[in-house]
Amino acid sequence: RDLRERAPSFRLEEAAGRLAELLLVAGRLTEGDASREWRGVARR
C-alpha cells in the first residue's frame, strides 16, 4: 500500500524483508511445523 501511494516511509529493503518473512513462516507452517516459534504468540 505504501508503495502504491508513494509514501515517503516506504523502504524497499524493509518491504523485501517483510515478503521473505511471509513466505518463510507460511512455508514452515505448510510443512507442518507447529512449534510456537512459527505459530507466534499474540496474547501476553
ModelCIF file with pLDDT and N, C-alpha, C, O atoms, coordinates in Angstrom:
data_MODEL
#
_entry.id   MODEL 
#
_entity.id                         1 
_entity.type                       polymer 
_entity.pdbx_number_of_molecules   1 
#
_entity_poly.entity_id                      1 
_entity_poly.type                           'polypeptide(L)' 
_entity_poly.nstd_linkage                   no 
_entity_poly.nstd_monomer                   no 
_entity_poly.pdbx_seq_one_letter_code       RDLRERAPSFRLEEAAGRLAELLLVAGRLTEGDASREWRGVARR 
_entity_poly.pdbx_seq_one_letter_code_can   RDLRERAPSFRLEEAAGRLAELLLVAGRLTEGDASREWRGVARR 
_entity_poly.pdbx_strand_id                 A 
#
loop_
_entity_poly_seq.entity_id 
_entity_poly_seq.num 
_entity_poly_seq.mon_id 
_entity_poly_seq.hetero 
1 1  ARG n 
1 2  ASP n 
1 3  LEU n 
1 4  ARG n 
1 5  GLU n 
1 6  ARG n 
1 7  ALA n 
1 8  PRO n 
1 9  SER n 
1 10 PHE n 
1 11 ARG n 
1 12 LEU n 
1 13 GLU n 
1 14 GLU n 
1 15 ALA n 
1 16 ALA n 
1 17 GLY n 
1 18 ARG n 
1 19 LEU n 
1 20 ALA n 
1 21 GLU n 
1 22 LEU n 
1 23 LEU n 
1 24 LEU n 
1 25 VAL n 
1 26 ALA n 
1 27 GLY n 
1 28 ARG n 
1 29 LEU n 
1 30 THR n 
1 31 GLU n 
1 32 GLY n 
1 33 ASP n 
1 34 ALA n 
1 35 SER n 
1 36 ARG n 
1 37 GLU n 
1 38 TRP n 
1 39 ARG n 
1 40 GLY n 
1 41 VAL n 
1 42 ALA n 
1 43 ARG n 
1 44 ARG n 
#
_struct_asym.id          A 
_struct_asym.entity_id   1 
#
loop_
_ma_qa_metric.id 
_ma_qa_metric.mode 
_ma_qa_metric.name 
_ma_qa_metric.software_group_id 
_ma_qa_metric.type 
1 global pLDDT . pLDDT 
2 local  pLDDT . pLDDT 
#
_ma_qa_metric_global.metric_id      1 
_ma_qa_metric_global.metric_value   89.45 
_ma_qa_metric_global.model_id       1 
_ma_qa_metric_global.ordinal_id     1 
#
loop_
_ma_qa_metric_local.label_asym_id 
_ma_qa_metric_local.label_comp_id 
_ma_qa_metric_local.label_seq_id 
_ma_qa_metric_local.metric_id 
_ma_qa_metric_local.metric_value 
_ma_qa_metric_local.model_id 
_ma_qa_metric_local.ordinal_id 
A ARG 1  2 93.00 1 1  
A ASP 2  2 92.00 1 2  
A LEU 3  2 94.00 1 3  
A ARG 4  2 93.00 1 4  
A GLU 5  2 91.00 1 5  
A ARG 6  2 91.00 1 6  
A ALA 7  2 87.00 1 7  
A PRO 8  2 82.00 1 8  
A SER 9  2 79.00 1 9  
A PHE 10 2 89.00 1 10 
A ARG 11 2 89.00 1 11 
A LEU 12 2 93.00 1 12 
A GLU 13 2 91.00 1 13 
A GLU 14 2 91.00 1 14 
A ALA 15 2 94.00 1 15 
A ALA 16 2 95.00 1 16 
A GLY 17 2 94.00 1 17 
A ARG 18 2 95.00 1 18 
A LEU 19 2 97.00 1 19 
A ALA 20 2 96.00 1 20 
A GLU 21 2 96.00 1 21 
A LEU 22 2 97.00 1 22 
A LEU 23 2 97.00 1 23 
A LEU 24 2 96.00 1 24 
A VAL 25 2 96.00 1 25 
A ALA 26 2 96.00 1 26 
A GLY 27 2 95.00 1 27 
A ARG 28 2 95.00 1 28 
A LEU 29 2 95.00 1 29 
A THR 30 2 93.00 1 30 
A GLU 31 2 91.00 1 31 
A GLY 32 2 88.00 1 32 
A ASP 33 2 88.00 1 33 
A ALA 34 2 84.00 1 34 
A SER 35 2 88.00 1 35 
A ARG 36 2 84.00 1 36 
A GLU 37 2 86.00 1 37 
A TRP 38 2 90.00 1 38 
A ARG 39 2 88.00 1 39 
A GLY 40 2 84.00 1 40 
A VAL 41 2 77.00 1 41 
A ALA 42 2 68.00 1 42 
A ARG 43 2 67.00 1 43 
A ARG 44 2 71.00 1 44 
#
loop_
_atom_site.group_PDB 
_atom_site.id 
_atom_site.type_symbol 
_atom_site.label_atom_id 
_atom_site.label_alt_id 
_atom_site.label_comp_id 
_atom_site.label_asym_id 
_atom_site.label_entity_id 
_atom_site.label_seq_id 
_atom_site.pdbx_PDB_ins_code 
_atom_site.Cartn_x 
_atom_site.Cartn_y 
_atom_site.Cartn_z 
_atom_site.occupancy 
_atom_site.B_iso_or_equiv 
_atom_site.pdbx_formal_charge 
_atom_site.auth_seq_id 
_atom_site.auth_comp_id 
_atom_site.auth_asym_id 
_atom_site.auth_atom_id 
_atom_site.pdbx_PDB_model_num 
ATOM 1   N N  . ARG A 1 1  ? 0.829  -1.210  0.000  1.00 93.00 ? 1  ARG A N  1 
ATOM 2   C CA . ARG A 1 1  ? 0.000  0.000   0.000  1.00 93.00 ? 1  ARG A CA 1 
ATOM 3   C C  . ARG A 1 1  ? 0.861  1.257   0.000  1.00 93.00 ? 1  ARG A C  1 
ATOM 4   O O  . ARG A 1 1  ? 0.575  2.206   -0.730 1.00 93.00 ? 1  ARG A O  1 
ATOM 5   N N  . ASP A 1 2  ? 1.920  1.268   0.820  1.00 92.00 ? 2  ASP A N  1 
ATOM 6   C CA . ASP A 1 2  ? 2.800  2.437   0.854  1.00 92.00 ? 2  ASP A CA 1 
ATOM 7   C C  . ASP A 1 2  ? 3.479  2.665   -0.489 1.00 92.00 ? 2  ASP A C  1 
ATOM 8   O O  . ASP A 1 2  ? 3.673  3.807   -0.906 1.00 92.00 ? 2  ASP A O  1 
ATOM 9   N N  . LEU A 1 3  ? 3.841  1.572   -1.171 1.00 94.00 ? 3  LEU A N  1 
ATOM 10  C CA . LEU A 1 3  ? 4.465  1.710   -2.483 1.00 94.00 ? 3  LEU A CA 1 
ATOM 11  C C  . LEU A 1 3  ? 3.468  2.266   -3.498 1.00 94.00 ? 3  LEU A C  1 
ATOM 12  O O  . LEU A 1 3  ? 3.820  3.123   -4.308 1.00 94.00 ? 3  LEU A O  1 
ATOM 13  N N  . ARG A 1 4  ? 2.238  1.786   -3.459 1.00 93.00 ? 4  ARG A N  1 
ATOM 14  C CA . ARG A 1 4  ? 1.219  2.283   -4.388 1.00 93.00 ? 4  ARG A CA 1 
ATOM 15  C C  . ARG A 1 4  ? 0.942  3.767   -4.158 1.00 93.00 ? 4  ARG A C  1 
ATOM 16  O O  . ARG A 1 4  ? 0.718  4.522   -5.104 1.00 93.00 ? 4  ARG A O  1 
ATOM 17  N N  . GLU A 1 5  ? 0.961  4.172   -2.889 1.00 91.00 ? 5  GLU A N  1 
ATOM 18  C CA . GLU A 1 5  ? 0.675  5.567   -2.555 1.00 91.00 ? 5  GLU A CA 1 
ATOM 19  C C  . GLU A 1 5  ? 1.927  6.439   -2.573 1.00 91.00 ? 5  GLU A C  1 
ATOM 20  O O  . GLU A 1 5  ? 1.858  7.633   -2.282 1.00 91.00 ? 5  GLU A O  1 
ATOM 21  N N  . ARG A 1 6  ? 3.065  5.849   -2.914 1.00 91.00 ? 6  ARG A N  1 
ATOM 22  C CA . ARG A 1 6  ? 4.341  6.558   -2.945 1.00 91.00 ? 6  ARG A CA 1 
ATOM 23  C C  . ARG A 1 6  ? 4.611  7.269   -1.618 1.00 91.00 ? 6  ARG A C  1 
ATOM 24  O O  . ARG A 1 6  ? 5.041  8.422   -1.585 1.00 91.00 ? 6  ARG A O  1 
ATOM 25  N N  . ALA A 1 7  ? 4.350  6.557   -0.545 1.00 87.00 ? 7  ALA A N  1 
ATOM 26  C CA . ALA A 1 7  ? 4.558  7.109   0.797  1.00 87.00 ? 7  ALA A CA 1 
ATOM 27  C C  . ALA A 1 7  ? 6.057  7.248   1.059  1.00 87.00 ? 7  ALA A C  1 
ATOM 28  O O  . ALA A 1 7  ? 6.823  6.355   0.698  1.00 87.00 ? 7  ALA A O  1 
ATOM 29  N N  . PRO A 1 8  ? 6.490  8.340   1.674  1.00 82.00 ? 8  PRO A N  1 
ATOM 30  C CA . PRO A 1 8  ? 7.924  8.521   1.947  1.00 82.00 ? 8  PRO A CA 1 
ATOM 31  C C  . PRO A 1 8  ? 8.477  7.495   2.927  1.00 82.00 ? 8  PRO A C  1 
ATOM 32  O O  . PRO A 1 8  ? 9.692  7.317   3.010  1.00 82.00 ? 8  PRO A O  1 
ATOM 33  N N  . SER A 1 9  ? 7.602  6.814   3.672  1.00 79.00 ? 9  SER A N  1 
ATOM 34  C CA . SER A 1 9  ? 8.057  5.814   4.635  1.00 79.00 ? 9  SER A CA 1 
ATOM 35  C C  . SER A 1 9  ? 8.416  4.486   3.985  1.00 79.00 ? 9  SER A C  1 
ATOM 36  O O  . SER A 1 9  ? 8.952  3.602   4.654  1.00 79.00 ? 9  SER A O  1 
ATOM 37  N N  . PHE A 1 10 ? 8.129  4.322   2.678  1.00 89.00 ? 10 PHE A N  1 
ATOM 38  C CA . PHE A 1 10 ? 8.412  3.045   2.020  1.00 89.00 ? 10 PHE A CA 1 
ATOM 39  C C  . PHE A 1 10 ? 9.912  2.832   1.889  1.00 89.00 ? 10 PHE A C  1 
ATOM 40  O O  . PHE A 1 10 ? 10.639 3.720   1.444  1.00 89.00 ? 10 PHE A O  1 
ATOM 41  N N  . ARG A 1 11 ? 10.368 1.644   2.279  1.00 89.00 ? 11 ARG A N  1 
ATOM 42  C CA . ARG A 1 11 ? 11.765 1.239   2.120  1.00 89.00 ? 11 ARG A CA 1 
ATOM 43  C C  . ARG A 1 11 ? 11.788 -0.130  1.444  1.00 89.00 ? 11 ARG A C  1 
ATOM 44  O O  . ARG A 1 11 ? 11.217 -1.091  1.959  1.00 89.00 ? 11 ARG A O  1 
ATOM 45  N N  . LEU A 1 12 ? 12.448 -0.216  0.292  1.00 93.00 ? 12 LEU A N  1 
ATOM 46  C CA . LEU A 1 12 ? 12.425 -1.447  -0.481 1.00 93.00 ? 12 LEU A CA 1 
ATOM 47  C C  . LEU A 1 12 ? 13.046 -2.602  0.303  1.00 93.00 ? 12 LEU A C  1 
ATOM 48  O O  . LEU A 1 12 ? 12.523 -3.716  0.286  1.00 93.00 ? 12 LEU A O  1 
ATOM 49  N N  . GLU A 1 13 ? 14.151 -2.342  0.983  1.00 91.00 ? 13 GLU A N  1 
ATOM 50  C CA . GLU A 1 13 ? 14.800 -3.421  1.725  1.00 91.00 ? 13 GLU A CA 1 
ATOM 51  C C  . GLU A 1 13 ? 13.891 -3.943  2.837  1.00 91.00 ? 13 GLU A C  1 
ATOM 52  O O  . GLU A 1 13 ? 13.824 -5.149  3.075  1.00 91.00 ? 13 GLU A O  1 
ATOM 53  N N  . GLU A 1 14 ? 13.201 -3.041  3.507  1.00 91.00 ? 14 GLU A N  1 
ATOM 54  C CA . GLU A 1 14 ? 12.269 -3.461  4.559  1.00 91.00 ? 14 GLU A CA 1 
ATOM 55  C C  . GLU A 1 14 ? 11.099 -4.232  3.956  1.00 91.00 ? 14 GLU A C  1 
ATOM 56  O O  . GLU A 1 14 ? 10.666 -5.238  4.518  1.00 91.00 ? 14 GLU A O  1 
ATOM 57  N N  . ALA A 1 15 ? 10.586 -3.772  2.823  1.00 94.00 ? 15 ALA A N  1 
ATOM 58  C CA . ALA A 1 15 ? 9.472  -4.455  2.183  1.00 94.00 ? 15 ALA A CA 1 
ATOM 59  C C  . ALA A 1 15 ? 9.874  -5.860  1.739  1.00 94.00 ? 15 ALA A C  1 
ATOM 60  O O  . ALA A 1 15 ? 9.095  -6.802  1.885  1.00 94.00 ? 15 ALA A O  1 
ATOM 61  N N  . ALA A 1 16 ? 11.080 -6.006  1.199  1.00 95.00 ? 16 ALA A N  1 
ATOM 62  C CA . ALA A 1 16 ? 11.549 -7.324  0.796  1.00 95.00 ? 16 ALA A CA 1 
ATOM 63  C C  . ALA A 1 16 ? 11.674 -8.246  1.997  1.00 95.00 ? 16 ALA A C  1 
ATOM 64  O O  . ALA A 1 16 ? 11.358 -9.433  1.915  1.00 95.00 ? 16 ALA A O  1 
ATOM 65  N N  . GLY A 1 17 ? 12.138 -7.693  3.120  1.00 94.00 ? 17 GLY A N  1 
ATOM 66  C CA . GLY A 1 17 ? 12.235 -8.498  4.331  1.00 94.00 ? 17 GLY A CA 1 
ATOM 67  C C  . GLY A 1 17 ? 10.868 -8.963  4.819  1.00 94.00 ? 17 GLY A C  1 
ATOM 68  O O  . GLY A 1 17 ? 10.726 -10.085 5.303  1.00 94.00 ? 17 GLY A O  1 
ATOM 69  N N  . ARG A 1 18 ? 9.867  -8.101  4.690  1.00 95.00 ? 18 ARG A N  1 
ATOM 70  C CA . ARG A 1 18 ? 8.513  -8.490  5.089  1.00 95.00 ? 18 ARG A CA 1 
ATOM 71  C C  . ARG A 1 18 ? 7.971  -9.609  4.196  1.00 95.00 ? 18 ARG A C  1 
ATOM 72  O O  . ARG A 1 18 ? 7.336  -10.546 4.680  1.00 95.00 ? 18 ARG A O  1 
ATOM 73  N N  . LEU A 1 19 ? 8.226  -9.504  2.896  1.00 97.00 ? 19 LEU A N  1 
ATOM 74  C CA . LEU A 1 19 ? 7.775  -10.540 1.975  1.00 97.00 ? 19 LEU A CA 1 
ATOM 75  C C  . LEU A 1 19 ? 8.484  -11.858 2.252  1.00 97.00 ? 19 LEU A C  1 
ATOM 76  O O  . LEU A 1 19 ? 7.871  -12.923 2.177  1.00 97.00 ? 19 LEU A O  1 
ATOM 77  N N  . ALA A 1 20 ? 9.770  -11.792 2.571  1.00 96.00 ? 20 ALA A N  1 
ATOM 78  C CA . ALA A 1 20 ? 10.510 -13.004 2.918  1.00 96.00 ? 20 ALA A CA 1 
ATOM 79  C C  . ALA A 1 20 ? 9.959  -13.637 4.193  1.00 96.00 ? 20 ALA A C  1 
ATOM 80  O O  . ALA A 1 20 ? 9.861  -14.861 4.284  1.00 96.00 ? 20 ALA A O  1 
ATOM 81  N N  . GLU A 1 21 ? 9.602  -12.817 5.176  1.00 96.00 ? 21 GLU A N  1 
ATOM 82  C CA . GLU A 1 21 ? 9.014  -13.331 6.413  1.00 96.00 ? 21 GLU A CA 1 
ATOM 83  C C  . GLU A 1 21 ? 7.696  -14.053 6.124  1.00 96.00 ? 21 GLU A C  1 
ATOM 84  O O  . GLU A 1 21 ? 7.446  -15.130 6.665  1.00 96.00 ? 21 GLU A O  1 
ATOM 85  N N  . LEU A 1 22 ? 6.866  -13.469 5.284  1.00 97.00 ? 22 LEU A N  1 
ATOM 86  C CA . LEU A 1 22 ? 5.602  -14.106 4.932  1.00 97.00 ? 22 LEU A CA 1 
ATOM 87  C C  . LEU A 1 22 ? 5.830  -15.471 4.297  1.00 97.00 ? 22 LEU A C  1 
ATOM 88  O O  . LEU A 1 22 ? 5.194  -16.450 4.688  1.00 97.00 ? 22 LEU A O  1 
ATOM 89  N N  . LEU A 1 23 ? 6.728  -15.546 3.325  1.00 97.00 ? 23 LEU A N  1 
ATOM 90  C CA . LEU A 1 23 ? 6.980  -16.807 2.633  1.00 97.00 ? 23 LEU A CA 1 
ATOM 91  C C  . LEU A 1 23 ? 7.631  -17.830 3.543  1.00 97.00 ? 23 LEU A C  1 
ATOM 92  O O  . LEU A 1 23 ? 7.303  -19.015 3.482  1.00 97.00 ? 23 LEU A O  1 
ATOM 93  N N  . LEU A 1 24 ? 8.554  -17.383 4.387  1.00 96.00 ? 24 LEU A N  1 
ATOM 94  C CA . LEU A 1 24 ? 9.258  -18.305 5.277  1.00 96.00 ? 24 LEU A CA 1 
ATOM 95  C C  . LEU A 1 24 ? 8.301  -18.924 6.291  1.00 96.00 ? 24 LEU A C  1 
ATOM 96  O O  . LEU A 1 24 ? 8.266  -20.144 6.458  1.00 96.00 ? 24 LEU A O  1 
ATOM 97  N N  . VAL A 1 25 ? 7.521  -18.076 6.969  1.00 96.00 ? 25 VAL A N  1 
ATOM 98  C CA . VAL A 1 25 ? 6.606  -18.581 8.001  1.00 96.00 ? 25 VAL A CA 1 
ATOM 99  C C  . VAL A 1 25 ? 5.526  -19.449 7.377  1.00 96.00 ? 25 VAL A C  1 
ATOM 100 O O  . VAL A 1 25 ? 5.216  -20.523 7.892  1.00 96.00 ? 25 VAL A O  1 
ATOM 101 N N  . ALA A 1 26 ? 4.949  -18.989 6.269  1.00 96.00 ? 26 ALA A N  1 
ATOM 102 C CA . ALA A 1 26 ? 3.911  -19.778 5.607  1.00 96.00 ? 26 ALA A CA 1 
ATOM 103 C C  . ALA A 1 26 ? 4.461  -21.121 5.148  1.00 96.00 ? 26 ALA A C  1 
ATOM 104 O O  . ALA A 1 26 ? 3.782  -22.143 5.256  1.00 96.00 ? 26 ALA A O  1 
ATOM 105 N N  . GLY A 1 27 ? 5.690  -21.124 4.635  1.00 95.00 ? 27 GLY A N  1 
ATOM 106 C CA . GLY A 1 27 ? 6.290  -22.373 4.181  1.00 95.00 ? 27 GLY A CA 1 
ATOM 107 C C  . GLY A 1 27 ? 6.504  -23.361 5.316  1.00 95.00 ? 27 GLY A C  1 
ATOM 108 O O  . GLY A 1 27 ? 6.215  -24.550 5.175  1.00 95.00 ? 27 GLY A O  1 
ATOM 109 N N  . ARG A 1 28 ? 7.016  -22.863 6.456  1.00 95.00 ? 28 ARG A N  1 
ATOM 110 C CA . ARG A 1 28 ? 7.252  -23.765 7.584  1.00 95.00 ? 28 ARG A CA 1 
ATOM 111 C C  . ARG A 1 28 ? 5.941  -24.312 8.145  1.00 95.00 ? 28 ARG A C  1 
ATOM 112 O O  . ARG A 1 28 ? 5.861  -25.486 8.507  1.00 95.00 ? 28 ARG A O  1 
ATOM 113 N N  . LEU A 1 29 ? 4.921  -23.471 8.218  1.00 95.00 ? 29 LEU A N  1 
ATOM 114 C CA . LEU A 1 29 ? 3.628  -23.939 8.722  1.00 95.00 ? 29 LEU A CA 1 
ATOM 115 C C  . LEU A 1 29 ? 2.988  -24.929 7.747  1.00 95.00 ? 29 LEU A C  1 
ATOM 116 O O  . LEU A 1 29 ? 2.376  -25.908 8.174  1.00 95.00 ? 29 LEU A O  1 
ATOM 117 N N  . THR A 1 30 ? 3.122  -24.683 6.461  1.00 93.00 ? 30 THR A N  1 
ATOM 118 C CA . THR A 1 30 ? 2.560  -25.587 5.462  1.00 93.00 ? 30 THR A CA 1 
ATOM 119 C C  . THR A 1 30 ? 3.220  -26.963 5.546  1.00 93.00 ? 30 THR A C  1 
ATOM 120 O O  . THR A 1 30 ? 2.588  -27.988 5.288  1.00 93.00 ? 30 THR A O  1 
ATOM 121 N N  . GLU A 1 31 ? 4.511  -26.962 5.913  1.00 91.00 ? 31 GLU A N  1 
ATOM 122 C CA . GLU A 1 31 ? 5.222  -28.235 6.071  1.00 91.00 ? 31 GLU A CA 1 
ATOM 123 C C  . GLU A 1 31 ? 4.847  -28.961 7.353  1.00 91.00 ? 31 GLU A C  1 
ATOM 124 O O  . GLU A 1 31 ? 5.274  -30.095 7.573  1.00 91.00 ? 31 GLU A O  1 
ATOM 125 N N  . GLY A 1 32 ? 4.048  -28.314 8.203  1.00 88.00 ? 32 GLY A N  1 
ATOM 126 C CA . GLY A 1 32 ? 3.574  -28.979 9.413  1.00 88.00 ? 32 GLY A CA 1 
ATOM 127 C C  . GLY A 1 32 ? 4.311  -28.631 10.673 1.00 88.00 ? 32 GLY A C  1 
ATOM 128 O O  . GLY A 1 32 ? 4.062  -29.251 11.707 1.00 88.00 ? 32 GLY A O  1 
ATOM 129 N N  . ASP A 1 33 ? 5.227  -27.649 10.641 1.00 88.00 ? 33 ASP A N  1 
ATOM 130 C CA . ASP A 1 33 ? 5.948  -27.252 11.848 1.00 88.00 ? 33 ASP A CA 1 
ATOM 131 C C  . ASP A 1 33 ? 5.010  -26.430 12.728 1.00 88.00 ? 33 ASP A C  1 
ATOM 132 O O  . ASP A 1 33 ? 4.716  -25.275 12.420 1.00 88.00 ? 33 ASP A O  1 
ATOM 133 N N  . ALA A 1 34 ? 4.541  -27.028 13.824 1.00 84.00 ? 34 ALA A N  1 
ATOM 134 C CA . ALA A 1 34 ? 3.548  -26.381 14.683 1.00 84.00 ? 34 ALA A CA 1 
ATOM 135 C C  . ALA A 1 34 ? 4.167  -25.774 15.932 1.00 84.00 ? 34 ALA A C  1 
ATOM 136 O O  . ALA A 1 34 ? 3.445  -25.491 16.888 1.00 84.00 ? 34 ALA A O  1 
ATOM 137 N N  . SER A 1 35 ? 5.482  -25.564 15.959 1.00 88.00 ? 35 SER A N  1 
ATOM 138 C CA . SER A 1 35 ? 6.129  -25.014 17.144 1.00 88.00 ? 35 SER A CA 1 
ATOM 139 C C  . SER A 1 35 ? 5.702  -23.571 17.356 1.00 88.00 ? 35 SER A C  1 
ATOM 140 O O  . SER A 1 35 ? 5.270  -22.890 16.427 1.00 88.00 ? 35 SER A O  1 
ATOM 141 N N  . ARG A 1 36 ? 5.832  -23.122 18.594 1.00 84.00 ? 36 ARG A N  1 
ATOM 142 C CA . ARG A 1 36 ? 5.407  -21.766 18.928 1.00 84.00 ? 36 ARG A CA 1 
ATOM 143 C C  . ARG A 1 36 ? 6.221  -20.731 18.160 1.00 84.00 ? 36 ARG A C  1 
ATOM 144 O O  . ARG A 1 36 ? 5.732  -19.633 17.896 1.00 84.00 ? 36 ARG A O  1 
ATOM 145 N N  . GLU A 1 37 ? 7.463  -21.069 17.796 1.00 86.00 ? 37 GLU A N  1 
ATOM 146 C CA . GLU A 1 37 ? 8.294  -20.125 17.039 1.00 86.00 ? 37 GLU A CA 1 
ATOM 147 C C  . GLU A 1 37 ? 7.603  -19.692 15.759 1.00 86.00 ? 37 GLU A C  1 
ATOM 148 O O  . GLU A 1 37 ? 7.679  -18.523 15.381 1.00 86.00 ? 37 GLU A O  1 
ATOM 149 N N  . TRP A 1 38 ? 6.919  -20.632 15.076 1.00 90.00 ? 38 TRP A N  1 
ATOM 150 C CA . TRP A 1 38 ? 6.296  -20.310 13.799 1.00 90.00 ? 38 TRP A CA 1 
ATOM 151 C C  . TRP A 1 38 ? 4.834  -19.930 13.947 1.00 90.00 ? 38 TRP A C  1 
ATOM 152 O O  . TRP A 1 38 ? 4.315  -19.147 13.151 1.00 90.00 ? 38 TRP A O  1 
ATOM 153 N N  . ARG A 1 39 ? 4.167  -20.469 14.949 1.00 88.00 ? 39 ARG A N  1 
ATOM 154 C CA . ARG A 1 39 ? 2.799  -20.028 15.213 1.00 88.00 ? 39 ARG A CA 1 
ATOM 155 C C  . ARG A 1 39 ? 2.781  -18.568 15.669 1.00 88.00 ? 39 ARG A C  1 
ATOM 156 O O  . ARG A 1 39 ? 1.961  -17.771 15.213 1.00 88.00 ? 39 ARG A O  1 
ATOM 157 N N  . GLY A 1 40 ? 3.711  -18.230 16.586 1.00 84.00 ? 40 GLY A N  1 
ATOM 158 C CA . GLY A 1 40 ? 3.721  -16.906 17.179 1.00 84.00 ? 40 GLY A CA 1 
ATOM 159 C C  . GLY A 1 40 ? 2.865  -16.867 18.430 1.00 84.00 ? 40 GLY A C  1 
ATOM 160 O O  . GLY A 1 40 ? 2.119  -17.802 18.719 1.00 84.00 ? 40 GLY A O  1 
ATOM 161 N N  . VAL A 1 41 ? 2.981  -15.780 19.162 1.00 77.00 ? 41 VAL A N  1 
ATOM 162 C CA . VAL A 1 41 ? 2.215  -15.580 20.388 1.00 77.00 ? 41 VAL A CA 1 
ATOM 163 C C  . VAL A 1 41 ? 1.640  -14.174 20.353 1.00 77.00 ? 41 VAL A C  1 
ATOM 164 O O  . VAL A 1 41 ? 2.388  -13.198 20.283 1.00 77.00 ? 41 VAL A O  1 
ATOM 165 N N  . ALA A 1 42 ? 0.333  -14.063 20.402 1.00 68.00 ? 42 ALA A N  1 
ATOM 166 C CA . ALA A 1 42 ? -0.303 -12.747 20.360 1.00 68.00 ? 42 ALA A CA 1 
ATOM 167 C C  . ALA A 1 42 ? -0.841 -12.332 21.712 1.00 68.00 ? 42 ALA A C  1 
ATOM 168 O O  . ALA A 1 42 ? -0.960 -11.137 21.983 1.00 68.00 ? 42 ALA A O  1 
ATOM 169 N N  . ARG A 1 43 ? -1.166 -13.278 22.562 1.00 67.00 ? 43 ARG A N  1 
ATOM 170 C CA . ARG A 1 43 ? -1.697 -12.931 23.874 1.00 67.00 ? 43 ARG A CA 1 
ATOM 171 C C  . ARG A 1 43 ? -0.587 -13.008 24.904 1.00 67.00 ? 43 ARG A C  1 
ATOM 172 O O  . ARG A 1 43 ? 0.061  -14.042 25.063 1.00 67.00 ? 43 ARG A O  1 
ATOM 173 N N  . ARG A 1 44 ? -0.378 -11.911 25.594 1.00 71.00 ? 44 ARG A N  1 
ATOM 174 C CA . ARG A 1 44 ? 0.690  -11.852 26.594 1.00 71.00 ? 44 ARG A CA 1 
ATOM 175 C C  . ARG A 1 44 ? 0.111  -12.176 27.963 1.00 71.00 ? 44 ARG A C  1 
ATOM 176 O O  . ARG A 1 44 ? 0.840  -12.183 28.955 1.00 71.00 ? 44 ARG A O  1 
#
